[in-house]
C-alpha cells in the first residue's frame, strides 16, 4: 500500500507529516508504516495500491477524477477563502518597481509545473482575465525554486500557493526578500484521494480523527483546520488556461 502527502511536504515539516500519517494509520487500522517520498507522483496517484494520496486541482480535473476516488479536501484556513479552498499570491522582490498586477505585463514569470493549479493555471487565468501577458514563462520544478528565482533576480514574479507561501516564510530566508502584490481568486483545494478499490468513508473518518488528535504545534505547522467535501463538479468547472508553451 502507498501513502503520500507530498504536496505540502517541505523538508522542515516532514516530521509533522510523518506524525500526521501515523495518526491516520492508527485510526484506520492499516496502511504502510511510512509515507512514500521517492516515487513519481503520477505513478502513485494512478497506482491500484494507493491507500491515501493528495493531488492538485489541475491533475485531478484533467486526468484523475474518473480514475481515483476523492475522499475529502483538507481545510487550511486561508483568509478570504471558503473552507477547503485556497488561492495563490503573486510575489515580486521588495525592491521591485512593481506595485499592481498590471505592472507584471511584459515581465518574466516563473512557475513550478505546468500541471499545477496554484503555480500555473490559477495565476495565468488571473493574468489573462486582467489583460496581463508575461514576456516569458519558465518552469522551475517547485514553488521553492520559483521563489528563489525571483529573489535572486532570475525572474520578475511568480504565483505561489498560499499555503506553501506560509511555509516558505517560516523556513526559507529568501522569502523575506519578496512581497505580495496580488492574489488569485479562490479555487477548490488539494483533495485527498485513494484508488477506486478503496472505500473512502473509513479514510475520511481516520483523517478527521487524526487532525483532531494532532499536537497543536503540528496542526499549526501543517496549517490543518479540518476537512470538507467539495463536489467533483466544482473541481471540473475551474478554468484551465492554454499549456505554457502555447501561452508563451
C-alpha atoms as a PDB file:
ATOM      1  CA  UNK A   1       0.000   0.000   0.000  1.00  0.00           C
ATOM      2  CA  UNK A   2       1.073   3.571  -0.714  1.00  0.00           C
ATOM      3  CA  UNK A   3       0.529   6.672   1.405  1.00  0.00           C
ATOM      4  CA  UNK A   4       1.790  10.020   0.117  1.00  0.00           C
ATOM      5  CA  UNK A   5       1.378  13.561   1.415  1.00  0.00           C
ATOM      6  CA  UNK A   6       3.899  15.143  -0.901  1.00  0.00           C
ATOM      7  CA  UNK A   7       2.012  18.245  -1.956  1.00  0.00           C
ATOM      8  CA  UNK A   8       2.867  20.099   1.270  1.00  0.00           C
ATOM      9  CA  UNK A   9       5.988  18.327   2.472  1.00  0.00           C
ATOM     10  CA  UNK A  10       8.798  20.879   2.751  1.00  0.00           C
ATOM     11  CA  UNK A  11      11.799  19.202   4.477  1.00  0.00           C
ATOM     12  CA  UNK A  12      11.253  21.348   7.556  1.00  0.00           C
ATOM     13  CA  UNK A  13       7.736  19.967   8.100  1.00  0.00           C
ATOM     14  CA  UNK A  14       8.249  16.316   7.141  1.00  0.00           C
ATOM     15  CA  UNK A  15       8.334  15.271  10.793  1.00  0.00           C
ATOM     16  CA  UNK A  16       4.892  16.768  11.337  1.00  0.00           C
ATOM     17  CA  UNK A  17       3.590  14.989   8.233  1.00  0.00           C
ATOM     18  CA  UNK A  18       5.055  11.710   9.492  1.00  0.00           C
ATOM     19  CA  UNK A  19       3.214  12.114  12.796  1.00  0.00           C
ATOM     20  CA  UNK A  20       0.020  13.060  10.950  1.00  0.00           C
ATOM     21  CA  UNK A  21       0.223   9.909   8.841  1.00  0.00           C
ATOM     22  CA  UNK A  22       0.935   7.778  11.915  1.00  0.00           C
ATOM     23  CA  UNK A  23      -2.285   9.039  13.486  1.00  0.00           C
ATOM     24  CA  UNK A  24      -4.280   8.387  10.290  1.00  0.00           C
ATOM     25  CA  UNK A  25      -2.856   4.869  10.136  1.00  0.00           C
ATOM     26  CA  UNK A  26      -3.648   4.206  13.785  1.00  0.00           C
ATOM     27  CA  UNK A  27      -7.268   5.306  13.374  1.00  0.00           C
ATOM     28  CA  UNK A  28      -7.652   3.437  10.075  1.00  0.00           C
ATOM     29  CA  UNK A  29      -6.054   0.252  11.412  1.00  0.00           C
ATOM     30  CA  UNK A  30      -3.994  -0.436   8.322  1.00  0.00           C
ATOM     31  CA  UNK A  31      -1.541   1.097   5.911  1.00  0.00           C
ATOM     32  CA  UNK A  32       2.196   1.366   5.300  1.00  0.00           C
ATOM     33  CA  UNK A  33       4.384   2.320   8.220  1.00  0.00           C
ATOM     34  CA  UNK A  34       5.918   5.287   6.394  1.00  0.00           C
ATOM     35  CA  UNK A  35       4.973   7.837   3.749  1.00  0.00           C
ATOM     36  CA  UNK A  36       6.362   7.286   0.272  1.00  0.00           C
ATOM     37  CA  UNK A  37       8.613  10.125  -0.862  1.00  0.00           C
ATOM     38  CA  UNK A  38      10.769   8.530  -3.561  1.00  0.00           C
ATOM     39  CA  UNK A  39       8.287   7.754  -6.349  1.00  0.00           C
ATOM     40  CA  UNK A  40       6.803   9.805  -9.163  1.00  0.00           C
ATOM     41  CA  UNK A  41       3.553  11.488  -8.142  1.00  0.00           C
ATOM     42  CA  UNK A  42       1.644  10.246 -11.186  1.00  0.00           C
ATOM     43  CA  UNK A  43       2.791   6.676 -10.553  1.00  0.00           C
ATOM     44  CA  UNK A  44       1.455   6.874  -7.012  1.00  0.00           C
ATOM     45  CA  UNK A  45      -1.774   8.680  -7.882  1.00  0.00           C
ATOM     46  CA  UNK A  46      -2.667   6.091 -10.525  1.00  0.00           C
ATOM     47  CA  UNK A  47      -1.450   3.032  -8.642  1.00  0.00           C
ATOM     48  CA  UNK A  48      -4.053   0.454  -7.564  1.00  0.00           C
ATOM     49  CA  UNK A  49      -2.029   0.295  -4.332  1.00  0.00           C
ATOM     50  CA  UNK A  50      -2.767   3.925  -3.413  1.00  0.00           C
ATOM     51  CA  UNK A  51      -4.334   3.991   0.030  1.00  0.00           C
ATOM     52  CA  UNK A  52      -4.019   7.715   0.644  1.00  0.00           C
ATOM     53  CA  UNK A  53      -2.665  10.458  -1.568  1.00  0.00           C
ATOM     54  CA  UNK A  54      -3.091  14.158  -2.107  1.00  0.00           C
ATOM     55  CA  UNK A  55      -3.245  15.744  -5.519  1.00  0.00           C
ATOM     56  CA  UNK A  56      -3.604  19.206  -7.041  1.00  0.00           C
ATOM     57  CA  UNK A  57      -6.820  20.502  -8.551  1.00  0.00           C
ATOM     58  CA  UNK A  58      -5.458  20.624 -12.104  1.00  0.00           C
ATOM     59  CA  UNK A  59      -4.268  16.977 -12.244  1.00  0.00           C
ATOM     60  CA  UNK A  60      -7.498  15.942 -10.565  1.00  0.00           C
ATOM     61  CA  UNK A  61      -9.777  17.589 -13.126  1.00  0.00           C
ATOM     62  CA  UNK A  62      -7.600  16.872 -16.169  1.00  0.00           C
ATOM     63  CA  UNK A  63      -6.667  13.218 -15.661  1.00  0.00           C
ATOM     64  CA  UNK A  64      -7.570  11.739 -12.293  1.00  0.00           C
ATOM     65  CA  UNK A  65     -11.203  12.458 -11.414  1.00  0.00           C
ATOM     66  CA  UNK A  66     -12.531   9.305 -13.105  1.00  0.00           C
ATOM     67  CA  UNK A  67      -9.553   7.107 -12.182  1.00  0.00           C
ATOM     68  CA  UNK A  68      -9.421   7.641  -8.403  1.00  0.00           C
ATOM     69  CA  UNK A  69     -11.848   8.102  -5.537  1.00  0.00           C
ATOM     70  CA  UNK A  70     -11.925  11.509  -3.884  1.00  0.00           C
ATOM     71  CA  UNK A  71     -12.027  11.193  -0.095  1.00  0.00           C
ATOM     72  CA  UNK A  72     -12.338  14.784   1.109  1.00  0.00           C
ATOM     73  CA  UNK A  73     -10.461  18.085   0.987  1.00  0.00           C
ATOM     74  CA  UNK A  74      -8.416  19.480   3.868  1.00  0.00           C
ATOM     75  CA  UNK A  75      -9.169  22.997   5.032  1.00  0.00           C
ATOM     76  CA  UNK A  76      -6.093  25.126   5.719  1.00  0.00           C
ATOM     77  CA  UNK A  77      -7.945  28.184   6.932  1.00  0.00           C
ATOM     78  CA  UNK A  78      -6.576  30.621   4.359  1.00  0.00           C
ATOM     79  CA  UNK A  79      -8.068  34.108   4.849  1.00  0.00           C
ATOM     80  CA  UNK A  80     -10.789  35.198   2.424  1.00  0.00           C
ATOM     81  CA  UNK A  81     -11.277  31.641   1.149  1.00  0.00           C
ATOM     82  CA  UNK A  82     -14.266  29.342   1.624  1.00  0.00           C
ATOM     83  CA  UNK A  83     -13.488  26.259   3.698  1.00  0.00           C
ATOM     84  CA  UNK A  84     -11.369  23.805   1.710  1.00  0.00           C
ATOM     85  CA  UNK A  85     -10.410  26.412  -0.875  1.00  0.00           C
ATOM     86  CA  UNK A  86      -7.117  28.162  -1.478  1.00  0.00           C
ATOM     87  CA  UNK A  87      -5.511  30.791  -3.681  1.00  0.00           C
ATOM     88  CA  UNK A  88      -2.102  31.883  -4.935  1.00  0.00           C
ATOM     89  CA  UNK A  89      -0.132  35.036  -4.257  1.00  0.00           C
ATOM     90  CA  UNK A  90       1.873  36.946  -6.845  1.00  0.00           C
ATOM     91  CA  UNK A  91       5.296  37.727  -5.413  1.00  0.00           C
ATOM     92  CA  UNK A  92       7.997  40.161  -6.559  1.00  0.00           C
ATOM     93  CA  UNK A  93      11.207  41.391  -4.946  1.00  0.00           C
ATOM     94  CA  UNK A  94      10.754  44.028  -2.280  1.00  0.00           C
ATOM     95  CA  UNK A  95      12.950  46.417  -4.281  1.00  0.00           C
ATOM     96  CA  UNK A  96      10.887  45.914  -7.469  1.00  0.00           C
ATOM     97  CA  UNK A  97       9.051  48.843  -9.042  1.00  0.00           C
ATOM     98  CA  UNK A  98       6.010  46.596  -9.500  1.00  0.00           C
ATOM     99  CA  UNK A  99       3.025  47.762  -7.454  1.00  0.00           C
ATOM    100  CA  UNK A 100      -0.046  46.282  -9.160  1.00  0.00           C
ATOM    101  CA  UNK A 101      -0.954  43.256 -11.235  1.00  0.00           C
ATOM    102  CA  UNK A 102      -0.959  45.389 -14.390  1.00  0.00           C
ATOM    103  CA  UNK A 103       2.719  46.166 -13.805  1.00  0.00           C
ATOM    104  CA  UNK A 104       3.534  42.497 -14.471  1.00  0.00           C
ATOM    105  CA  UNK A 105       2.716  42.886 -18.163  1.00  0.00           C
ATOM    106  CA  UNK A 106       5.787  42.051 -20.247  1.00  0.00           C
ATOM    107  CA  UNK A 107       7.823  40.759 -17.297  1.00  0.00           C
ATOM    108  CA  UNK A 108       9.462  37.375 -16.721  1.00  0.00           C
ATOM    109  CA  UNK A 109       7.329  34.794 -14.923  1.00  0.00           C
ATOM    110  CA  UNK A 110       8.391  31.526 -13.325  1.00  0.00           C
ATOM    111  CA  UNK A 111       6.062  28.772 -12.163  1.00  0.00           C
ATOM    112  CA  UNK A 112       6.551  25.395 -10.563  1.00  0.00           C
ATOM    113  CA  UNK A 113       4.975  22.985 -13.068  1.00  0.00           C
ATOM    114  CA  UNK A 114       2.506  23.126 -15.930  1.00  0.00           C
ATOM    115  CA  UNK A 115       0.272  20.612 -14.109  1.00  0.00           C
ATOM    116  CA  UNK A 116      -0.081  22.939 -11.112  1.00  0.00           C
ATOM    117  CA  UNK A 117      -3.298  24.796 -10.335  1.00  0.00           C
ATOM    118  CA  UNK A 118      -1.587  27.109  -7.843  1.00  0.00           C
ATOM    119  CA  UNK A 119       1.587  27.766  -9.827  1.00  0.00           C
ATOM    120  CA  UNK A 120       0.337  27.832 -13.401  1.00  0.00           C
ATOM    121  CA  UNK A 121      -3.403  27.563 -14.051  1.00  0.00           C
ATOM    122  CA  UNK A 122      -4.690  29.862 -11.300  1.00  0.00           C
ATOM    123  CA  UNK A 123      -2.112  32.620 -11.780  1.00  0.00           C
ATOM    124  CA  UNK A 124      -2.280  32.502 -15.581  1.00  0.00           C
ATOM    125  CA  UNK A 125      -6.092  32.605 -15.611  1.00  0.00           C
ATOM    126  CA  UNK A 126      -5.976  35.659 -13.324  1.00  0.00           C
ATOM    127  CA  UNK A 127      -3.372  37.374 -15.502  1.00  0.00           C
ATOM    128  CA  UNK A 128      -5.363  36.688 -18.674  1.00  0.00           C
ATOM    129  CA  UNK A 129      -8.566  37.981 -17.076  1.00  0.00           C
ATOM    130  CA  UNK A 130      -6.761  41.239 -16.318  1.00  0.00           C
ATOM    131  CA  UNK A 131      -5.100  41.641 -19.721  1.00  0.00           C
ATOM    132  CA  UNK A 132      -1.591  40.845 -18.465  1.00  0.00           C
ATOM    133  CA  UNK A 133       0.797  38.824 -20.635  1.00  0.00           C
ATOM    134  CA  UNK A 134       4.220  37.758 -19.320  1.00  0.00           C
ATOM    135  CA  UNK A 135       7.212  38.171 -21.619  1.00  0.00           C
ATOM    136  CA  UNK A 136       8.223  34.614 -20.743  1.00  0.00           C
ATOM    137  CA  UNK A 137       7.082  31.766 -18.515  1.00  0.00           C
ATOM    138  CA  UNK A 138       9.615  29.211 -17.327  1.00  0.00           C
ATOM    139  CA  UNK A 139       9.091  26.105 -15.200  1.00  0.00           C
ATOM    140  CA  UNK A 140      11.301  25.654 -12.129  1.00  0.00           C
ATOM    141  CA  UNK A 141      10.063  22.313 -10.790  1.00  0.00           C
ATOM    142  CA  UNK A 142       8.865  23.549  -7.388  1.00  0.00           C
ATOM    143  CA  UNK A 143       7.378  26.597  -5.666  1.00  0.00           C
ATOM    144  CA  UNK A 144      10.523  26.978  -3.567  1.00  0.00           C
ATOM    145  CA  UNK A 145      12.597  27.124  -6.760  1.00  0.00           C
ATOM    146  CA  UNK A 146      10.292  29.771  -8.203  1.00  0.00           C
ATOM    147  CA  UNK A 147      10.573  31.807  -5.015  1.00  0.00           C
ATOM    148  CA  UNK A 148      14.376  31.638  -5.146  1.00  0.00           C
ATOM    149  CA  UNK A 149      14.446  32.541  -8.847  1.00  0.00           C
ATOM    150  CA  UNK A 150      12.533  35.754  -8.115  1.00  0.00           C
ATOM    151  CA  UNK A 151      14.595  36.505  -5.002  1.00  0.00           C
ATOM    152  CA  UNK A 152      17.842  36.082  -6.972  1.00  0.00           C
ATOM    153  CA  UNK A 153      16.700  38.224  -9.898  1.00  0.00           C
ATOM    154  CA  UNK A 154      16.489  35.395 -12.426  1.00  0.00           C
ATOM    155  CA  UNK A 155      12.767  36.155 -12.833  1.00  0.00           C
ATOM    156  CA  UNK A 156      10.481  39.078 -12.080  1.00  0.00           C
ATOM    157  CA  UNK A 157       7.497  37.374 -10.486  1.00  0.00           C
ATOM    158  CA  UNK A 158       5.789  34.111  -9.678  1.00  0.00           C
ATOM    159  CA  UNK A 159       2.477  32.773  -8.461  1.00  0.00           C
ATOM    160  CA  UNK A 160       2.891  30.780  -5.244  1.00  0.00           C
ATOM    161  CA  UNK A 161       0.375  28.542  -3.487  1.00  0.00           C
ATOM    162  CA  UNK A 162      -0.824  30.477  -0.423  1.00  0.00           C
ATOM    163  CA  UNK A 163      -0.343  27.508   1.899  1.00  0.00           C
ATOM    164  CA  UNK A 164       3.146  26.880   0.555  1.00  0.00           C
ATOM    165  CA  UNK A 165       3.935  30.594   0.890  1.00  0.00           C
ATOM    166  CA  UNK A 166       3.223  30.447   4.618  1.00  0.00           C
ATOM    167  CA  UNK A 167       5.649  27.526   4.932  1.00  0.00           C
ATOM    168  CA  UNK A 168       8.305  29.315   2.882  1.00  0.00           C
ATOM    169  CA  UNK A 169       8.014  32.401   5.065  1.00  0.00           C
ATOM    170  CA  UNK A 170       8.597  30.250   8.114  1.00  0.00           C
ATOM    171  CA  UNK A 171      11.511  28.203   6.780  1.00  0.00           C
ATOM    172  CA  UNK A 172      13.142  29.897   3.765  1.00  0.00           C
ATOM    173  CA  UNK A 173      15.030  33.167   4.477  1.00  0.00           C
ATOM    174  CA  UNK A 174      14.836  34.190   0.809  1.00  0.00           C
ATOM    175  CA  UNK A 175      11.064  34.588   1.169  1.00  0.00           C
ATOM    176  CA  UNK A 176      11.680  37.620   3.376  1.00  0.00           C
ATOM    177  CA  UNK A 177      13.133  39.445   0.358  1.00  0.00           C
ATOM    178  CA  UNK A 178       9.811  39.240  -1.502  1.00  0.00           C
ATOM    179  CA  UNK A 179       6.428  40.917  -1.178  1.00  0.00           C
ATOM    180  CA  UNK A 180       2.910  40.091  -2.336  1.00  0.00           C
ATOM    181  CA  UNK A 181       1.215  42.367  -4.862  1.00  0.00           C
ATOM    182  CA  UNK A 182      -1.993  40.431  -5.594  1.00  0.00           C
ATOM    183  CA  UNK A 183      -3.893  37.170  -5.104  1.00  0.00           C
ATOM    184  CA  UNK A 184      -5.789  34.883  -7.450  1.00  0.00           C
ATOM    185  CA  UNK A 185      -9.459  34.135  -6.787  1.00  0.00           C
ATOM    186  CA  UNK A 186     -10.011  31.064  -4.566  1.00  0.00           C
ATOM    187  CA  UNK A 187     -10.411  27.633  -6.114  1.00  0.00           C
ATOM    188  CA  UNK A 188     -11.113  24.213  -4.556  1.00  0.00           C
ATOM    189  CA  UNK A 189      -8.149  22.971  -2.540  1.00  0.00           C
ATOM    190  CA  UNK A 190      -5.975  19.903  -2.911  1.00  0.00           C
ATOM    191  CA  UNK A 191      -8.137  16.791  -2.391  1.00  0.00           C
ATOM    192  CA  UNK A 192      -7.175  13.593  -0.640  1.00  0.00           C
ATOM    193  CA  UNK A 193      -7.644  10.618  -2.957  1.00  0.00           C
ATOM    194  CA  UNK A 194      -7.493   6.828  -2.878  1.00  0.00           C
ATOM    195  CA  UNK A 195      -7.653   4.085  -5.501  1.00  0.00           C
ATOM    196  CA  UNK A 196     -11.019   3.122  -6.935  1.00  0.00           C
ATOM    197  CA  UNK A 197     -10.955  -0.144  -5.000  1.00  0.00           C
ATOM    198  CA  UNK A 198     -10.943   1.529  -1.582  1.00  0.00           C
ATOM    199  CA  UNK A 199     -13.922   2.701   0.483  1.00  0.00           C
ATOM    200  CA  UNK A 200     -13.397   6.420   1.178  1.00  0.00           C
ATOM    201  CA  UNK A 201     -15.588   6.589   4.293  1.00  0.00           C
ATOM    202  CA  UNK A 202     -13.169   4.915   6.765  1.00  0.00           C
ATOM    203  CA  UNK A 203     -10.350   7.042   5.365  1.00  0.00           C
ATOM    204  CA  UNK A 204     -12.319  10.243   5.824  1.00  0.00           C
ATOM    205  CA  UNK A 205     -13.120   9.339   9.423  1.00  0.00           C
ATOM    206  CA  UNK A 206      -9.472   8.470  10.115  1.00  0.00           C
ATOM    207  CA  UNK A 207      -8.264  11.744   8.600  1.00  0.00           C
ATOM    208  CA  UNK A 208     -10.659  13.816  10.689  1.00  0.00           C
ATOM    209  CA  UNK A 209      -9.713  11.915  13.839  1.00  0.00           C
ATOM    210  CA  UNK A 210      -6.027  12.398  13.071  1.00  0.00           C
ATOM    211  CA  UNK A 211      -6.442  16.158  12.612  1.00  0.00           C
ATOM    212  CA  UNK A 212      -8.363  16.319  15.888  1.00  0.00           C
ATOM    213  CA  UNK A 213      -5.609  14.346  17.602  1.00  0.00           C
ATOM    214  CA  UNK A 214      -2.613  16.240  16.250  1.00  0.00           C
ATOM    215  CA  UNK A 215      -0.483  18.092  18.746  1.00  0.00           C
ATOM    216  CA  UNK A 216      -1.286  21.822  18.477  1.00  0.00           C
ATOM    217  CA  UNK A 217       2.235  22.583  17.204  1.00  0.00           C
ATOM    218  CA  UNK A 218       1.929  20.012  14.406  1.00  0.00           C
ATOM    219  CA  UNK A 219      -1.552  21.213  13.476  1.00  0.00           C
ATOM    220  CA  UNK A 220      -0.228  24.748  13.221  1.00  0.00           C
ATOM    221  CA  UNK A 221       2.853  23.658  11.252  1.00  0.00           C
ATOM    222  CA  UNK A 222       0.686  21.790   8.752  1.00  0.00           C
ATOM    223  CA  UNK A 223      -1.937  24.593   8.822  1.00  0.00           C
ATOM    224  CA  UNK A 224      -4.700  21.999   9.117  1.00  0.00           C
ATOM    225  CA  UNK A 225      -8.112  23.152  10.334  1.00  0.00           C
ATOM    226  CA  UNK A 226     -10.368  20.261   9.320  1.00  0.00           C
ATOM    227  CA  UNK A 227     -11.854  18.613   6.246  1.00  0.00           C
ATOM    228  CA  UNK A 228     -14.723  19.407   3.896  1.00  0.00           C
ATOM    229  CA  UNK A 229     -16.454  17.693   0.997  1.00  0.00           C
ATOM    230  CA  UNK A 230     -16.369  19.666  -2.243  1.00  0.00           C
ATOM    231  CA  UNK A 231     -18.380  18.279  -5.189  1.00  0.00           C
ATOM    232  CA  UNK A 232     -16.332  16.932  -8.066  1.00  0.00           C
ATOM    233  CA  UNK A 233     -18.314  19.214 -10.381  1.00  0.00           C
ATOM    234  CA  UNK A 234     -16.821  22.245  -8.639  1.00  0.00           C
ATOM    235  CA  UNK A 235     -13.316  20.988  -9.398  1.00  0.00           C
ATOM    236  CA  UNK A 236     -14.180  20.271 -13.026  1.00  0.00           C
ATOM    237  CA  UNK A 237     -15.631  23.752 -13.550  1.00  0.00           C
ATOM    238  CA  UNK A 238     -12.326  25.549 -12.855  1.00  0.00           C
ATOM    239  CA  UNK A 239     -10.740  27.185 -15.909  1.00  0.00           C
ATOM    240  CA  UNK A 240      -7.642  25.593 -17.434  1.00  0.00           C
ATOM    241  CA  UNK A 241      -5.555  28.111 -19.418  1.00  0.00           C
ATOM    242  CA  UNK A 242      -3.578  27.060 -22.513  1.00  0.00           C
ATOM    243  CA  UNK A 243      -0.462  24.966 -21.966  1.00  0.00           C
ATOM    244  CA  UNK A 244       2.545  27.148 -21.019  1.00  0.00           C
ATOM    245  CA  UNK A 245       4.269  26.536 -24.348  1.00  0.00           C
ATOM    246  CA  UNK A 246       1.218  27.780 -26.250  1.00  0.00           C
ATOM    247  CA  UNK A 247       0.759  30.713 -23.900  1.00  0.00           C
ATOM    248  CA  UNK A 248       4.390  31.780 -24.215  1.00  0.00           C
END
